[in-house]
Amino acid sequence: MAPAPPRLTFFCELEPEPLVALFAGPAVVEHLLALRASVSLGVLDLGPERAAVVRRLNEAGVPVIAWQLLPKAEGYWFHLGNAPQAEARYEAFRAWTAGHCLRWDGVGLDIEPDIHDMRRLLASRWRLLPALLPRLGRGGQLREARARYGALMARIRADGYRVDSYQLPLIVDERRAGSTLLQRLGGVLDLEADREVLMLYSSFVRPHGPALAWSYGPDARSIGVGVTGGGVDVPGLIEVPPLDWEEFTRDLRLARRWTEDLHVFSLEGCVRQGFLARLRDFDWTVPAEAPPASARRLDGLRRAASLVLRIGF
């Protein structure tokens, strides 16, 4: 008997007008239902257009995760410095959800550095480096942020939702080393979510994408693959070619080796490239390719990085 397909969740990160256009016809919903897939919908705003799309997915029976995001002026992703804004946003989200009678399969917290730091790094890494040094002393701020985010997750669970976290893979090395260096410098947070998704996006590390999956895959409960297109507008960040079908399916098979719970970034990219229809007949029995030599090199780099993290605490 052929194995059952994995659980697929598609990230969707669109402004209201393109979001409405994406779901204007029946095809996308039909594909999602055929794939038994979920959607992690970026809550970029609390407007009526987004609520209407959620209601349509609710009525069709497509599970929707509320992917929490902040205005770009507040850092966009959740990080060490914006816990109060995240708390306020969740309260506004609760009121919006109740006002529009929306149903959610869970709530997702996207843990990444401040979008302003990302912009400064992409503009000139040398200008950002001096600003990082004072952050070494942010131990107290880190403890406070983790406590506040812990309380926020408890509130979300009390509302009846599972809490997902979307994490950069380096958090695994930080955790294993018993360090907080990356959290203090980069503002990321090691949170105890109900489901942690490691974002192993091979499009950013070509030609070493398979090495990334082979190295971090064994540590993952859920794996995010991508990028097939789309994403937040940060000059220089998403300016790489999207995964083509061969790269995309290679990454899916590799991720499936370690977990049945796969996330794809993004839904809009898959629609644009015609991937949803092709996934309906995808042969999941084909084995993943063998590990490349670069996977062993990456494992070595991770061991060396762990030593640095232990020294830096």
C-alpha atoms as a PDB file:
ATOM      1  CA  MET A   1       0.000   0.000   0.000  1.00  0.00           C
ATOM      2  CA  ALA A   2       1.368   3.440  -0.951  1.00  0.00           C
ATOM      3  CA  PRO A   3       2.110   5.755   1.984  1.00  0.00           C
ATOM      4  CA  ALA A   4      -0.357   8.548   2.654  1.00  0.00           C
ATOM      5  CA  PRO A   5       0.677  11.998   1.446  1.00  0.00           C
ATOM      6  CA  PRO A   6       2.152  14.286   4.118  1.00  0.00           C
ATOM      7  CA  ARG A   7       0.196  17.113   5.720  1.00  0.00           C
ATOM      8  CA  LEU A   8       0.708  20.260   3.666  1.00  0.00           C
ATOM      9  CA  THR A   9       0.327  23.814   4.905  1.00  0.00           C
ATOM     10  CA  PHE A  10       0.773  26.716   2.501  1.00  0.00           C
ATOM     11  CA  PHE A  11       1.901  30.121   3.748  1.00  0.00           C
ATOM     12  CA  CYS A  12       0.050  33.038   2.164  1.00  0.00           C
ATOM     13  CA  GLU A  13       1.411  36.567   2.658  1.00  0.00           C
ATOM     14  CA  LEU A  14      -0.576  38.997   0.520  1.00  0.00           C
ATOM     15  CA  GLU A  15      -2.031  42.468   0.806  1.00  0.00           C
ATOM     16  CA  PRO A  16      -5.845  42.694   0.573  1.00  0.00           C
ATOM     17  CA  GLU A  17      -6.225  43.286  -3.178  1.00  0.00           C
ATOM     18  CA  PRO A  18      -3.972  40.434  -4.396  1.00  0.00           C
ATOM     19  CA  LEU A  19      -5.359  38.174  -1.650  1.00  0.00           C
ATOM     20  CA  VAL A  20      -8.907  38.683  -2.897  1.00  0.00           C
ATOM     21  CA  ALA A  21      -7.723  38.125  -6.479  1.00  0.00           C
ATOM     22  CA  LEU A  22      -6.001  34.869  -5.513  1.00  0.00           C
ATOM     23  CA  PHE A  23      -9.275  33.415  -4.255  1.00  0.00           C
ATOM     24  CA  ALA A  24     -11.526  35.093  -6.832  1.00  0.00           C
ATOM     25  CA  GLY A  25     -12.214  31.807  -8.632  1.00  0.00           C
ATOM     26  CA  PRO A  26     -12.869  28.302  -7.318  1.00  0.00           C
ATOM     27  CA  ALA A  27      -9.637  26.650  -8.505  1.00  0.00           C
ATOM     28  CA  VAL A  28      -7.352  27.437  -5.541  1.00  0.00           C
ATOM     29  CA  VAL A  29      -9.869  26.250  -2.956  1.00  0.00           C
ATOM     30  CA  GLU A  30     -10.561  23.106  -4.996  1.00  0.00           C
ATOM     31  CA  HIS A  31      -6.845  22.296  -5.145  1.00  0.00           C
ATOM     32  CA  LEU A  32      -6.439  22.860  -1.406  1.00  0.00           C
ATOM     33  CA  LEU A  33      -9.347  20.563  -0.648  1.00  0.00           C
ATOM     34  CA  ALA A  34      -8.010  17.862  -2.963  1.00  0.00           C
ATOM     35  CA  LEU A  35      -4.621  18.073  -1.247  1.00  0.00           C
ATOM     36  CA  ARG A  36      -6.249  18.174   2.213  1.00  0.00           C
ATOM     37  CA  ALA A  37      -4.025  21.180   2.798  1.00  0.00           C
ATOM     38  CA  SER A  38      -4.126  24.021   5.314  1.00  0.00           C
ATOM     39  CA  VAL A  39      -3.336  27.688   4.822  1.00  0.00           C
ATOM     40  CA  SER A  40      -1.233  29.762   7.190  1.00  0.00           C
ATOM     41  CA  LEU A  41      -2.608  33.180   6.335  1.00  0.00           C
ATOM     42  CA  GLY A  42      -0.496  36.206   7.134  1.00  0.00           C
ATOM     43  CA  VAL A  43      -2.668  38.625   9.128  1.00  0.00           C
ATOM     44  CA  LEU A  44      -1.153  41.745   7.583  1.00  0.00           C
ATOM     45  CA  ASP A  45      -4.255  43.752   8.449  1.00  0.00           C
ATOM     46  CA  LEU A  46      -7.589  43.384  10.200  1.00  0.00           C
ATOM     47  CA  GLY A  47      -9.741  44.447   7.307  1.00  0.00           C
ATOM     48  CA  PRO A  48     -12.991  43.147   5.813  1.00  0.00           C
ATOM     49  CA  GLU A  49     -11.315  41.740   2.691  1.00  0.00           C
ATOM     50  CA  ARG A  50      -9.100  39.412   4.700  1.00  0.00           C
ATOM     51  CA  ALA A  51     -12.016  38.401   6.883  1.00  0.00           C
ATOM     52  CA  ALA A  52     -14.076  37.540   3.785  1.00  0.00           C
ATOM     53  CA  VAL A  53     -11.313  35.255   2.492  1.00  0.00           C
ATOM     54  CA  VAL A  54     -11.070  33.504   5.873  1.00  0.00           C
ATOM     55  CA  ARG A  55     -14.841  32.989   5.952  1.00  0.00           C
ATOM     56  CA  ARG A  56     -14.747  31.495   2.476  1.00  0.00           C
ATOM     57  CA  LEU A  57     -12.030  29.051   3.507  1.00  0.00           C
ATOM     58  CA  ASN A  58     -13.958  28.259   6.700  1.00  0.00           C
ATOM     59  CA  GLU A  59     -17.103  27.500   4.708  1.00  0.00           C
ATOM     60  CA  ALA A  60     -15.176  25.306   2.255  1.00  0.00           C
ATOM     61  CA  GLY A  61     -13.564  23.308   5.062  1.00  0.00           C
ATOM     62  CA  VAL A  62      -9.965  24.449   4.486  1.00  0.00           C
ATOM     63  CA  PRO A  63      -8.156  24.795   7.862  1.00  0.00           C
ATOM     64  CA  VAL A  64      -6.674  28.273   8.346  1.00  0.00           C
ATOM     65  CA  ILE A  65      -3.883  29.232  10.750  1.00  0.00           C
ATOM     66  CA  ALA A  66      -3.720  32.876  11.818  1.00  0.00           C
ATOM     67  CA  TRP A  67      -0.115  33.844  11.046  1.00  0.00           C
ATOM     68  CA  GLN A  68       0.420  36.846  13.290  1.00  0.00           C
ATOM     69  CA  LEU A  69       2.319  39.800  11.834  1.00  0.00           C
ATOM     70  CA  LEU A  70       2.813  43.410  12.874  1.00  0.00           C
ATOM     71  CA  PRO A  71       2.945  46.628  10.849  1.00  0.00           C
ATOM     72  CA  LYS A  72       6.411  47.114   9.372  1.00  0.00           C
ATOM     73  CA  ALA A  73       6.946  50.159  11.603  1.00  0.00           C
ATOM     74  CA  GLU A  74       6.704  47.791  14.611  1.00  0.00           C
ATOM     75  CA  GLY A  75       9.185  45.245  13.248  1.00  0.00           C
ATOM     76  CA  TYR A  76       6.769  43.089  11.188  1.00  0.00           C
ATOM     77  CA  TRP A  77       7.955  39.755  12.623  1.00  0.00           C
ATOM     78  CA  PHE A  78       7.895  38.974  16.353  1.00  0.00           C
ATOM     79  CA  HIS A  79      11.194  39.496  18.153  1.00  0.00           C
ATOM     80  CA  LEU A  80      12.846  40.440  21.408  1.00  0.00           C
ATOM     81  CA  GLY A  81      11.958  44.127  21.157  1.00  0.00           C
ATOM     82  CA  ASN A  82       8.266  44.124  20.308  1.00  0.00           C
ATOM     83  CA  ALA A  83       6.452  41.935  22.829  1.00  0.00           C
ATOM     84  CA  PRO A  84       4.089  44.782  23.905  1.00  0.00           C
ATOM     85  CA  GLN A  85       3.113  45.388  20.282  1.00  0.00           C
ATOM     86  CA  ALA A  86       2.561  41.647  19.768  1.00  0.00           C
ATOM     87  CA  GLU A  87       0.273  41.530  22.816  1.00  0.00           C
ATOM     88  CA  ALA A  88      -1.740  44.506  21.601  1.00  0.00           C
ATOM     89  CA  ARG A  89      -1.998  43.056  18.120  1.00  0.00           C
ATOM     90  CA  TYR A  90      -3.324  39.762  19.436  1.00  0.00           C
ATOM     91  CA  GLU A  91      -6.010  41.549  21.440  1.00  0.00           C
ATOM     92  CA  ALA A  92      -7.062  43.441  18.306  1.00  0.00           C
ATOM     93  CA  PHE A  93      -7.006  40.167  16.372  1.00  0.00           C
ATOM     94  CA  ARG A  94      -9.324  38.545  18.956  1.00  0.00           C
ATOM     95  CA  ALA A  95     -11.834  41.359  18.581  1.00  0.00           C
ATOM     96  CA  TRP A  96     -11.624  41.196  14.766  1.00  0.00           C
ATOM     97  CA  THR A  97     -12.083  37.409  14.857  1.00  0.00           C
ATOM     98  CA  ALA A  98     -15.161  37.691  17.070  1.00  0.00           C
ATOM     99  CA  GLY A  99     -16.611  40.545  15.041  1.00  0.00           C
ATOM    100  CA  HIS A 100     -16.400  38.567  11.798  1.00  0.00           C
ATOM    101  CA  CYS A 101     -17.172  35.104  13.287  1.00  0.00           C
ATOM    102  CA  LEU A 102     -13.917  33.614  12.000  1.00  0.00           C
ATOM    103  CA  ARG A 103     -12.601  30.142  12.808  1.00  0.00           C
ATOM    104  CA  TRP A 104      -8.918  29.273  13.112  1.00  0.00           C
ATOM    105  CA  ASP A 105      -7.060  25.983  13.206  1.00  0.00           C
ATOM    106  CA  GLY A 106      -4.223  27.586  15.171  1.00  0.00           C
ATOM    107  CA  VAL A 107      -2.165  30.730  15.648  1.00  0.00           C
ATOM    108  CA  GLY A 108       1.314  31.117  14.176  1.00  0.00           C
ATOM    109  CA  LEU A 109       4.085  33.291  15.614  1.00  0.00           C
ATOM    110  CA  ASP A 110       6.793  34.241  13.108  1.00  0.00           C
ATOM    111  CA  ILE A 111      10.037  34.637  15.083  1.00  0.00           C
ATOM    112  CA  GLU A 112      12.603  36.575  13.061  1.00  0.00           C
ATOM    113  CA  PRO A 113      14.836  39.644  13.520  1.00  0.00           C
ATOM    114  CA  ASP A 114      13.381  43.134  13.341  1.00  0.00           C
ATOM    115  CA  ILE A 115      12.658  44.004   9.711  1.00  0.00           C
ATOM    116  CA  HIS A 116      14.601  47.254  10.211  1.00  0.00           C
ATOM    117  CA  ASP A 117      17.696  45.226  11.143  1.00  0.00           C
ATOM    118  CA  MET A 118      17.231  43.125   8.024  1.00  0.00           C
ATOM    119  CA  ARG A 119      17.094  46.245   5.879  1.00  0.00           C
ATOM    120  CA  ARG A 120      20.224  47.688   7.492  1.00  0.00           C
ATOM    121  CA  LEU A 121      22.065  44.400   7.085  1.00  0.00           C
ATOM    122  CA  LEU A 122      21.143  44.129   3.415  1.00  0.00           C
ATOM    123  CA  ALA A 123      22.078  47.775   2.803  1.00  0.00           C
ATOM    124  CA  SER A 124      25.468  47.554   4.553  1.00  0.00           C
ATOM    125  CA  ARG A 125      26.457  44.832   6.973  1.00  0.00           C
ATOM    126  CA  TRP A 126      29.382  46.907   8.247  1.00  0.00           C
ATOM    127  CA  ARG A 127      27.070  49.645   9.520  1.00  0.00           C
ATOM    128  CA  LEU A 128      25.011  47.127  11.464  1.00  0.00           C
ATOM    129  CA  LEU A 129      27.911  45.334  13.154  1.00  0.00           C
ATOM    130  CA  PRO A 130      28.866  48.153  15.586  1.00  0.00           C
ATOM    131  CA  ALA A 131      25.237  48.404  16.674  1.00  0.00           C
ATOM    132  CA  LEU A 132      25.217  44.722  17.624  1.00  0.00           C
ATOM    133  CA  LEU A 133      27.900  44.918  20.313  1.00  0.00           C
ATOM    134  CA  PRO A 134      25.768  46.705  22.970  1.00  0.00           C
ATOM    135  CA  ARG A 135      23.167  43.979  22.486  1.00  0.00           C
ATOM    136  CA  LEU A 136      25.399  41.472  24.239  1.00  0.00           C
ATOM    137  CA  GLY A 137      24.132  42.977  27.482  1.00  0.00           C
ATOM    138  CA  ARG A 138      20.461  42.393  26.711  1.00  0.00           C
ATOM    139  CA  GLY A 139      20.108  39.368  28.975  1.00  0.00           C
ATOM    140  CA  GLY A 140      17.514  41.015  31.183  1.00  0.00           C
ATOM    141  CA  GLN A 141      15.534  42.279  28.198  1.00  0.00           C
ATOM    142  CA  LEU A 142      15.621  38.791  26.701  1.00  0.00           C
ATOM    143  CA  ARG A 143      14.266  37.209  29.885  1.00  0.00           C
ATOM    144  CA  GLU A 144      11.461  39.771  30.041  1.00  0.00           C
ATOM    145  CA  ALA A 145      10.571  39.258  26.358  1.00  0.00           C
ATOM    146  CA  ARG A 146      10.493  35.486  26.713  1.00  0.00           C
ATOM    147  CA  ALA A 147       8.274  35.789  29.781  1.00  0.00           C
ATOM    148  CA  ARG A 148       5.864  38.109  27.963  1.00  0.00           C
ATOM    149  CA  TYR A 149       5.734  35.907  24.875  1.00  0.00           C
ATOM    150  CA  GLY A 150       5.249  32.894  27.135  1.00  0.00           C
ATOM    151  CA  ALA A 151       2.259  34.634  28.703  1.00  0.00           C
ATOM    152  CA  LEU A 152       0.952  35.537  25.242  1.00  0.00           C
ATOM    153  CA  MET A 153       1.145  31.895  24.146  1.00  0.00           C
ATOM    154  CA  ALA A 154      -0.692  30.873  27.316  1.00  0.00           C
ATOM    155  CA  ARG A 155      -3.416  33.382  26.427  1.00  0.00           C
ATOM    156  CA  ILE A 156      -3.648  31.979  22.897  1.00  0.00           C
ATOM    157  CA  ARG A 157      -3.952  28.422  24.234  1.00  0.00           C
ATOM    158  CA  ALA A 158      -6.597  29.535  26.723  1.00  0.00           C
ATOM    159  CA  ASP A 159      -8.565  30.835  23.729  1.00  0.00           C
ATOM    160  CA  GLY A 160      -8.518  27.287  22.363  1.00  0.00           C
ATOM    161  CA  TYR A 161      -5.796  27.603  19.732  1.00  0.00           C
ATOM    162  CA  ARG A 162      -2.664  25.581  19.058  1.00  0.00           C
ATOM    163  CA  VAL A 163       0.446  27.768  18.945  1.00  0.00           C
ATOM    164  CA  ASP A 164       2.817  27.328  15.995  1.00  0.00           C
ATOM    165  CA  SER A 165       6.204  29.024  15.761  1.00  0.00           C
ATOM    166  CA  TYR A 166       8.105  29.693  12.549  1.00  0.00           C
ATOM    167  CA  GLN A 167      11.797  29.603  13.352  1.00  0.00           C
ATOM    168  CA  LEU A 168      15.122  30.123  11.600  1.00  0.00           C
ATOM    169  CA  PRO A 169      17.162  26.894  11.760  1.00  0.00           C
ATOM    170  CA  LEU A 170      19.995  28.490  13.752  1.00  0.00           C
ATOM    171  CA  ILE A 171      17.746  28.393  16.801  1.00  0.00           C
ATOM    172  CA  VAL A 172      18.429  24.633  16.928  1.00  0.00           C
ATOM    173  CA  ASP A 173      22.175  25.265  17.323  1.00  0.00           C
ATOM    174  CA  GLU A 174      21.572  27.934  19.955  1.00  0.00           C
ATOM    175  CA  ARG A 175      19.313  25.603  21.910  1.00  0.00           C
ATOM    176  CA  ARG A 176      21.735  22.695  21.706  1.00  0.00           C
ATOM    177  CA  ALA A 177      24.607  24.887  22.892  1.00  0.00           C
ATOM    178  CA  GLY A 178      22.600  26.194  25.853  1.00  0.00           C
ATOM    179  CA  SER A 179      23.330  29.717  24.623  1.00  0.00           C
ATOM    180  CA  THR A 180      21.403  32.972  24.215  1.00  0.00           C
ATOM    181  CA  LEU A 181      23.990  34.752  22.050  1.00  0.00           C
ATOM    182  CA  LEU A 182      21.948  34.718  18.841  1.00  0.00           C
ATOM    183  CA  GLN A 183      18.829  35.765  20.706  1.00  0.00           C
ATOM    184  CA  ARG A 184      20.564  38.758  22.263  1.00  0.00           C
ATOM    185  CA  LEU A 185      22.261  39.827  19.029  1.00  0.00           C
ATOM    186  CA  GLY A 186      19.542  39.048  16.505  1.00  0.00           C
ATOM    187  CA  GLY A 187      16.446  39.479  18.639  1.00  0.00           C
ATOM    188  CA  VAL A 188      15.083  36.021  17.864  1.00  0.00           C
ATOM    189  CA  LEU A 189      13.423  34.034  20.647  1.00  0.00           C
ATOM    190  CA  ASP A 190      13.520  30.373  21.631  1.00  0.00           C
ATOM    191  CA  LEU A 191       9.871  29.746  22.505  1.00  0.00           C
ATOM    192  CA  GLU A 192       8.151  26.503  23.500  1.00  0.00           C
ATOM    193  CA  ALA A 193       5.419  26.344  20.895  1.00  0.00           C
ATOM    194  CA  ASP A 194       3.086  23.413  20.306  1.00  0.00           C
ATOM    195  CA  ARG A 195       4.435  23.012  16.782  1.00  0.00           C
ATOM    196  CA  GLU A 196       7.789  24.430  15.662  1.00  0.00           C
ATOM    197  CA  VAL A 197       8.378  24.852  11.931  1.00  0.00           C
ATOM    198  CA  LEU A 198      12.010  25.184  10.818  1.00  0.00           C
ATOM    199  CA  MET A 199      12.220  27.427   7.766  1.00  0.00           C
ATOM    200  CA  LEU A 200      14.674  25.520   5.551  1.00  0.00           C
ATOM    201  CA  TYR A 201      14.322  27.720   2.483  1.00  0.00           C
ATOM    202  CA  SER A 202      16.786  26.404  -0.065  1.00  0.00           C
ATOM    203  CA  SER A 203      16.213  29.221  -2.571  1.00  0.00           C
ATOM    204  CA  PHE A 204      18.381  31.484  -0.379  1.00  0.00           C
ATOM    205  CA  VAL A 205      21.351  29.092  -0.181  1.00  0.00           C
ATOM    206  CA  ARG A 206      21.703  27.711  -3.697  1.00  0.00           C
ATOM    207  CA  PRO A 207      23.411  25.402  -4.548  1.00  0.00           C
ATOM    208  CA  HIS A 208      23.539  24.127  -0.945  1.00  0.00           C
ATOM    209  CA  GLY A 209      19.810  23.677  -0.337  1.00  0.00           C
ATOM    210  CA  PRO A 210      19.954  19.864  -0.023  1.00  0.00           C
ATOM    211  CA  ALA A 211      22.769  20.204   2.521  1.00  0.00           C
ATOM    212  CA  LEU A 212      20.580  22.496   4.632  1.00  0.00           C
ATOM    213  CA  ALA A 213      17.785  19.926   4.659  1.00  0.00           C
ATOM    214  CA  TRP A 214      20.078  16.973   5.408  1.00  0.00           C
ATOM    215  CA  SER A 215      21.781  18.820   8.265  1.00  0.00           C
ATOM    216  CA  TYR A 216      18.738  20.320  10.009  1.00  0.00           C
ATOM    217  CA  GLY A 217      16.027  17.870   8.947  1.00  0.00           C
ATOM    218  CA  PRO A 218      16.656  15.332  11.743  1.00  0.00           C
ATOM    219  CA  ASP A 219      16.019  18.087  14.332  1.00  0.00           C
ATOM    220  CA  ALA A 220      12.709  19.217  12.832  1.00  0.00           C
ATOM    221  CA  ARG A 221       9.176  18.367  13.902  1.00  0.00           C
ATOM    222  CA  SER A 222       7.877  20.321  10.912  1.00  0.00           C
ATOM    223  CA  ILE A 223       9.800  21.712   7.936  1.00  0.00           C
ATOM    224  CA  GLY A 224       9.111  24.737   5.774  1.00  0.00           C
ATOM    225  CA  VAL A 225      10.340  24.564   2.163  1.00  0.00           C
ATOM    226  CA  GLY A 226      10.592  27.406  -0.352  1.00  0.00           C
ATOM    227  CA  VAL A 227      10.602  29.979  -1.660  1.00  0.00           C
ATOM    228  CA  THR A 228       8.314  29.371  -4.643  1.00  0.00           C
ATOM    229  CA  GLY A 229       7.635  33.102  -5.022  1.00  0.00           C
ATOM    230  CA  GLY A 230       6.195  36.007  -3.049  1.00  0.00           C
ATOM    231  CA  GLY A 231       7.120  37.360   0.358  1.00  0.00           C
ATOM    232  CA  VAL A 232       7.377  40.666   2.151  1.00  0.00           C
ATOM    233  CA  ASP A 233       8.905  43.542   0.199  1.00  0.00           C
ATOM    234  CA  VAL A 234      12.399  43.941   1.655  1.00  0.00           C
ATOM    235  CA  PRO A 235      14.855  45.051  -1.065  1.00  0.00           C
ATOM    236  CA  GLY A 236      17.532  42.396  -1.479  1.00  0.00           C
ATOM    237  CA  LEU A 237      15.821  39.786   0.681  1.00  0.00           C
ATOM    238  CA  ILE A 238      13.563  37.974  -1.786  1.00  0.00           C
ATOM    239  CA  GLU A 239      15.496  38.970  -4.914  1.00  0.00           C
ATOM    240  CA  VAL A 240      16.470  35.414  -5.771  1.00  0.00           C
ATOM    241  CA  PRO A 241      14.798  33.181  -8.368  1.00  0.00           C
ATOM    242  CA  PRO A 242      11.931  31.130  -6.954  1.00  0.00           C
ATOM    243  CA  LEU A 243      12.225  27.365  -6.775  1.00  0.00           C
ATOM    244  CA  ASP A 244      11.328  25.613  -9.995  1.00  0.00           C
ATOM    245  CA  TRP A 245       9.360  22.362 -10.021  1.00  0.00           C
ATOM    246  CA  GLU A 246      12.451  20.131  -9.847  1.00  0.00           C
ATOM    247  CA  GLU A 247      13.938  22.048  -6.907  1.00  0.00           C
ATOM    248  CA  PHE A 248      10.587  22.264  -5.164  1.00  0.00           C
ATOM    249  CA  THR A 249       9.819  18.547  -5.404  1.00  0.00           C
ATOM    250  CA  ARG A 250      13.385  17.672  -4.396  1.00  0.00           C
ATOM    251  CA  ASP A 251      12.918  19.707  -1.222  1.00  0.00           C
ATOM    252  CA  LEU A 252       9.514  18.176  -0.518  1.00  0.00           C
ATOM    253  CA  ARG A 253      10.926  14.650  -0.749  1.00  0.00           C
ATOM    254  CA  LEU A 254      13.878  15.550   1.449  1.00  0.00           C
ATOM    255  CA  ALA A 255      11.641  17.131   4.093  1.00  0.00           C
ATOM    256  CA  ARG A 256       9.288  14.152   3.990  1.00  0.00           C
ATOM    257  CA  ARG A 257      12.241  11.949   4.991  1.00  0.00           C
ATOM    258  CA  TRP A 258      12.065  13.393   8.538  1.00  0.00           C
ATOM    259  CA  THR A 259       8.510  14.599   9.021  1.00  0.00           C
ATOM    260  CA  GLU A 260       4.964  14.163   7.756  1.00  0.00           C
ATOM    261  CA  ASP A 261       4.241  17.828   8.512  1.00  0.00           C
ATOM    262  CA  LEU A 262       5.392  20.075   5.655  1.00  0.00           C
ATOM    263  CA  HIS A 263       4.937  23.806   5.152  1.00  0.00           C
ATOM    264  CA  VAL A 264       5.377  25.553   1.802  1.00  0.00           C
ATOM    265  CA  PHE A 265       6.218  29.182   1.211  1.00  0.00           C
ATOM    266  CA  SER A 266       4.210  30.327  -0.563  1.00  0.00           C
ATOM    267  CA  LEU A 267       0.697  29.568  -1.776  1.00  0.00           C
ATOM    268  CA  GLU A 268       0.724  32.482  -4.201  1.00  0.00           C
ATOM    269  CA  GLY A 269       4.049  31.340  -5.649  1.00  0.00           C
ATOM    270  CA  CYS A 270       2.723  27.814  -6.169  1.00  0.00           C
ATOM    271  CA  VAL A 271      -0.404  29.170  -7.858  1.00  0.00           C
ATOM    272  CA  ARG A 272       1.654  31.413 -10.121  1.00  0.00           C
ATOM    273  CA  GLN A 273       3.823  28.477 -11.236  1.00  0.00           C
ATOM    274  CA  GLY A 274       0.985  25.977 -11.553  1.00  0.00           C
ATOM    275  CA  PHE A 275       2.305  23.714  -8.778  1.00  0.00           C
ATOM    276  CA  LEU A 276      -0.991  22.973  -7.004  1.00  0.00           C
ATOM    277  CA  ALA A 277      -2.468  20.978  -9.869  1.00  0.00           C
ATOM    278  CA  ARG A 278       0.773  19.040 -10.301  1.00  0.00           C
ATOM    279  CA  LEU A 279       0.891  18.207  -6.581  1.00  0.00           C
ATOM    280  CA  ARG A 280      -2.458  16.455  -6.824  1.00  0.00           C
ATOM    281  CA  ASP A 281      -0.793  13.662  -8.834  1.00  0.00           C
ATOM    282  CA  PHE A 282       2.624  13.875  -7.179  1.00  0.00           C
ATOM    283  CA  ASP A 283       4.367  10.551  -6.552  1.00  0.00           C
ATOM    284  CA  TRP A 284       5.460  10.633  -2.905  1.00  0.00           C
ATOM    285  CA  THR A 285       6.976   7.133  -3.116  1.00  0.00           C
ATOM    286  CA  VAL A 286      10.050   8.298  -5.055  1.00  0.00           C
ATOM    287  CA  PRO A 287      12.974   8.301  -2.586  1.00  0.00           C
ATOM    288  CA  ALA A 288      14.852  11.465  -1.679  1.00  0.00           C
ATOM    289  CA  GLU A 289      18.248  12.006  -3.228  1.00  0.00           C
ATOM    290  CA  ALA A 290      21.396  10.974  -1.353  1.00  0.00           C
ATOM    291  CA  PRO A 291      23.103  13.518   0.925  1.00  0.00           C
ATOM    292  CA  PRO A 292      25.675  15.711  -0.851  1.00  0.00           C
ATOM    293  CA  ALA A 293      29.225  16.110   0.433  1.00  0.00           C
ATOM    294  CA  SER A 294      28.354  19.677   1.433  1.00  0.00           C
ATOM    295  CA  ALA A 295      25.996  18.277   4.089  1.00  0.00           C
ATOM    296  CA  ARG A 296      28.979  16.896   6.010  1.00  0.00           C
ATOM    297  CA  ARG A 297      30.748  20.243   5.681  1.00  0.00           C
ATOM    298  CA  LEU A 298      27.701  22.038   7.016  1.00  0.00           C
ATOM    299  CA  ASP A 299      27.555  19.626   9.962  1.00  0.00           C
ATOM    300  CA  GLY A 300      31.187  20.536  10.692  1.00  0.00           C
ATOM    301  CA  LEU A 301      30.419  24.254  10.507  1.00  0.00           C
ATOM    302  CA  ARG A 302      27.523  23.770  12.900  1.00  0.00           C
ATOM    303  CA  ARG A 303      29.764  21.985  15.417  1.00  0.00           C
ATOM    304  CA  ALA A 304      32.240  24.860  15.225  1.00  0.00           C
ATOM    305  CA  ALA A 305      29.432  27.390  15.618  1.00  0.00           C
ATOM    306  CA  SER A 306      28.197  25.535  18.695  1.00  0.00           C
ATOM    307  CA  LEU A 307      31.564  26.084  20.340  1.00  0.00           C
ATOM    308  CA  VAL A 308      31.339  29.811  19.632  1.00  0.00           C
ATOM    309  CA  LEU A 309      27.804  29.916  21.008  1.00  0.00           C
ATOM    310  CA  ARG A 310      28.878  28.145  24.205  1.00  0.00           C
ATOM    311  CA  ILE A 311      31.703  30.641  24.693  1.00  0.00           C
ATOM    312  CA  GLY A 312      29.357  33.558  24.015  1.00  0.00           C
ATOM    313  CA  PHE A 313      26.672  32.043  26.298  1.00  0.00           C
END
